[in-house]
Protein backbone atom coordinates (compact mmCIF):
# COMPACT_ATOMS: atom_id res chain seq x y z
CA MET A 1 -62.53 56.22 -28.71
CA ALA A 2 -64.67 56.69 -25.53
CA VAL A 3 -63.07 58.90 -22.67
CA LEU A 4 -63.62 57.91 -19.10
CA ASN A 5 -62.81 60.23 -16.42
CA VAL A 6 -62.46 59.02 -12.68
CA LYS A 7 -62.63 61.19 -9.73
CA SER A 8 -61.83 61.14 -6.07
CA VAL A 9 -59.42 57.91 -6.50
CA PRO A 10 -57.86 57.37 -3.06
CA GLN A 11 -54.13 58.54 -2.90
CA ARG A 12 -52.84 55.38 -1.84
CA LEU A 13 -54.60 53.22 -4.73
CA TYR A 14 -53.12 55.82 -7.17
CA ARG A 15 -49.74 55.26 -5.93
CA LYS A 16 -50.23 51.38 -6.22
CA LEU A 17 -51.58 52.19 -9.84
CA GLN A 18 -48.61 54.18 -10.76
CA ALA A 19 -46.06 51.51 -9.31
CA ARG A 20 -47.86 49.04 -11.10
CA ALA A 21 -47.67 51.03 -14.38
CA LYS A 22 -44.25 51.62 -13.98
CA ARG A 23 -43.20 47.92 -13.34
CA GLU A 24 -45.00 47.21 -16.42
CA ARG A 25 -43.72 49.89 -18.66
CA ARG A 26 -46.78 51.50 -19.30
CA SER A 27 -48.85 54.83 -18.69
CA VAL A 28 -51.28 54.92 -15.78
CA ALA A 29 -54.09 55.19 -18.46
CA GLN A 30 -53.02 52.00 -20.34
CA GLU A 31 -52.59 50.21 -17.10
CA VAL A 32 -56.06 51.05 -16.22
CA ILE A 33 -57.34 50.01 -19.76
CA ARG A 34 -55.44 46.75 -19.28
CA ILE A 35 -56.95 45.93 -15.94
CA LEU A 36 -60.53 46.76 -16.89
CA GLU A 37 -59.98 44.42 -20.18
CA ARG A 38 -58.79 41.55 -17.84
CA ALA A 39 -61.49 42.00 -15.39
CA LEU A 40 -64.32 42.15 -17.92
CA THR A 41 -63.34 39.84 -20.24
CA GLU A 42 -65.49 36.39 -19.59
CA PRO A 43 -63.51 33.38 -19.40
CA PRO A 44 -64.55 30.58 -22.02
CA ARG A 45 -67.50 28.81 -20.85
CA VAL A 46 -66.67 24.88 -19.92
CA SER A 47 -69.13 22.49 -20.26
CA ILE A 48 -69.92 20.06 -17.45
CA MET A 49 -69.85 17.20 -19.77
CA ASP A 50 -65.95 18.04 -20.10
CA LEU A 51 -65.38 17.05 -16.69
CA GLN A 52 -66.79 13.20 -17.53
CA GLY A 53 -64.38 10.76 -16.27
CA LEU A 54 -62.01 13.01 -14.41
CA GLY A 55 -60.63 11.59 -11.13
CA LYS A 56 -61.71 7.95 -12.06
CA GLU A 57 -58.23 6.50 -12.03
CA ILE A 58 -58.20 7.82 -8.03
CA TRP A 59 -61.44 5.99 -7.57
CA ARG A 60 -60.73 2.89 -9.45
CA PRO A 61 -59.15 0.77 -6.63
CA ILE A 62 -61.71 1.89 -3.85
CA ASN A 63 -65.18 0.22 -3.23
CA SER A 64 -67.66 2.99 -3.19
CA ASP A 65 -70.07 1.38 -0.97
CA GLN A 66 -67.42 0.80 1.59
CA TYR A 67 -66.06 4.16 1.23
CA ILE A 68 -69.54 5.88 1.76
CA ASP A 69 -70.37 3.66 4.74
CA ALA A 70 -67.01 4.46 6.41
CA GLU A 71 -67.71 8.36 5.91
CA ARG A 72 -71.06 8.05 7.26
CA ARG A 73 -70.03 6.41 10.28
CA SER A 74 -67.52 8.94 10.94
CA TRP A 75 -70.03 11.46 11.23
CA ASP A 76 -71.47 10.18 14.35
């Protein structure tokens, strides 16, 4: 396992880290690893195709041409 040394951590930040670790019942090192894991884990990619059809129930009763015309008139 690798070792990571961090120097010159601002005291205020370190106190917050200690408090957070205590709340979570972890050591400071364990809490740092947890924070790094969360920050560096990429969320799963979502395809834009998964968005197809979302919100259509909202627009169903609305005439899109009339809506767009009204919006454009409001810009003036």
